[in-house]
Amino acid sequence: MMLLSRIADQPVDERDRMIGLSIKGVLYGTRAVLPGMLAGGNGTLVDVSSLAGRTRSPEAVYGW
């Protein structure tokens, strides 16, 4: 999820939703599979993220 409008125009609840999805999604996903991995003594977690987290785009930040 990525908000494409200018930061000044984004409602706070939408910003909170985006942050919650990005951070809590990884935490909750890990928590869901961890008990089985620990019980089995094995497992691999692969987290996938967006390229947007590694690049800077004025259009994405300011909505120009």
C-alpha atoms as a PDB file:
ATOM      1  CA  MET A   1       0.000   0.000   0.000  1.00  0.00           C
ATOM      2  CA  MET A   2       1.374   3.397  -0.920  1.00  0.00           C
ATOM      3  CA  LEU A   3      -0.326   6.736  -0.622  1.00  0.00           C
ATOM      4  CA  LEU A   4       0.291   8.784  -3.748  1.00  0.00           C
ATOM      5  CA  SER A   5      -1.120  12.113  -2.635  1.00  0.00           C
ATOM      6  CA  ARG A   6       0.881  14.942  -1.117  1.00  0.00           C
ATOM      7  CA  ILE A   7       1.717  14.404   2.546  1.00  0.00           C
ATOM      8  CA  ALA A   8      -0.090  17.623   3.452  1.00  0.00           C
ATOM      9  CA  ASP A   9      -3.276  16.205   1.881  1.00  0.00           C
ATOM     10  CA  GLN A  10      -3.149  12.738   3.440  1.00  0.00           C
ATOM     11  CA  PRO A  11      -5.504  12.020   6.327  1.00  0.00           C
ATOM     12  CA  VAL A  12      -3.659  10.795   9.415  1.00  0.00           C
ATOM     13  CA  ASP A  13      -5.735   7.601   9.582  1.00  0.00           C
ATOM     14  CA  GLU A  14      -4.628   6.647   6.040  1.00  0.00           C
ATOM     15  CA  ARG A  15      -0.985   7.249   6.971  1.00  0.00           C
ATOM     16  CA  ASP A  16      -1.433   5.109  10.105  1.00  0.00           C
ATOM     17  CA  ARG A  17      -3.018   2.354   7.995  1.00  0.00           C
ATOM     18  CA  MET A  18      -0.078   2.348   5.583  1.00  0.00           C
ATOM     19  CA  ILE A  19       2.476   2.209   8.412  1.00  0.00           C
ATOM     20  CA  GLY A  20       0.503  -0.474  10.229  1.00  0.00           C
ATOM     21  CA  LEU A  21       0.319  -2.653   7.137  1.00  0.00           C
ATOM     22  CA  SER A  22       4.021  -2.258   6.367  1.00  0.00           C
ATOM     23  CA  ILE A  23       5.305  -2.941   9.871  1.00  0.00           C
ATOM     24  CA  LYS A  24       2.645  -4.979  11.634  1.00  0.00           C
ATOM     25  CA  GLY A  25       2.102  -7.202   8.601  1.00  0.00           C
ATOM     26  CA  VAL A  26       5.665  -8.500   8.877  1.00  0.00           C
ATOM     27  CA  LEU A  27       5.435  -8.873  12.655  1.00  0.00           C
ATOM     28  CA  TYR A  28       2.085 -10.697  12.594  1.00  0.00           C
ATOM     29  CA  GLY A  29       3.162 -12.925   9.708  1.00  0.00           C
ATOM     30  CA  THR A  30       6.327 -13.894  11.554  1.00  0.00           C
ATOM     31  CA  ARG A  31       4.374 -14.537  14.744  1.00  0.00           C
ATOM     32  CA  ALA A  32       1.941 -16.777  12.868  1.00  0.00           C
ATOM     33  CA  VAL A  33       4.593 -19.149  11.509  1.00  0.00           C
ATOM     34  CA  LEU A  34       7.200 -19.000  14.271  1.00  0.00           C
ATOM     35  CA  PRO A  35       5.637 -21.582  16.628  1.00  0.00           C
ATOM     36  CA  GLY A  36       5.672 -24.232  13.884  1.00  0.00           C
ATOM     37  CA  MET A  37       9.236 -23.397  12.930  1.00  0.00           C
ATOM     38  CA  LEU A  38      10.415 -23.607  16.536  1.00  0.00           C
ATOM     39  CA  ALA A  39       8.556 -26.871  17.102  1.00  0.00           C
ATOM     40  CA  GLY A  40      10.076 -28.372  13.974  1.00  0.00           C
ATOM     41  CA  GLY A  41      13.511 -26.954  14.666  1.00  0.00           C
ATOM     42  CA  ASN A  42      13.719 -25.567  11.153  1.00  0.00           C
ATOM     43  CA  GLY A  43      12.321 -22.973   8.809  1.00  0.00           C
ATOM     44  CA  THR A  44      13.027 -19.955   6.684  1.00  0.00           C
ATOM     45  CA  LEU A  45      11.265 -16.594   6.598  1.00  0.00           C
ATOM     46  CA  VAL A  46      11.382 -14.513   3.447  1.00  0.00           C
ATOM     47  CA  ASP A  47      10.102 -10.958   3.734  1.00  0.00           C
ATOM     48  CA  VAL A  48       9.304  -9.152   0.512  1.00  0.00           C
ATOM     49  CA  SER A  49       9.280  -5.376   0.356  1.00  0.00           C
ATOM     50  CA  SER A  50       8.682  -2.722  -2.226  1.00  0.00           C
ATOM     51  CA  LEU A  51      11.410  -1.076  -4.227  1.00  0.00           C
ATOM     52  CA  ALA A  52       9.847   2.220  -3.146  1.00  0.00           C
ATOM     53  CA  GLY A  53      11.483   1.754   0.241  1.00  0.00           C
ATOM     54  CA  ARG A  54      14.926   1.893  -1.398  1.00  0.00           C
ATOM     55  CA  THR A  55      14.432   4.748  -3.838  1.00  0.00           C
ATOM     56  CA  ARG A  56      13.360   8.352  -3.627  1.00  0.00           C
ATOM     57  CA  SER A  57      10.616   9.730  -5.825  1.00  0.00           C
ATOM     58  CA  PRO A  58       9.314  13.299  -5.527  1.00  0.00           C
ATOM     59  CA  GLU A  59       6.096  12.178  -7.240  1.00  0.00           C
ATOM     60  CA  ALA A  60       5.470   9.542  -4.581  1.00  0.00           C
ATOM     61  CA  VAL A  61       6.254  11.853  -1.674  1.00  0.00           C
ATOM     62  CA  TYR A  62       4.732  15.112  -2.820  1.00  0.00           C
ATOM     63  CA  GLY A  63       2.223  13.982  -5.442  1.00  0.00           C
ATOM     64  CA  TRP A  64       3.596  16.376  -8.093  1.00  0.00           C
END
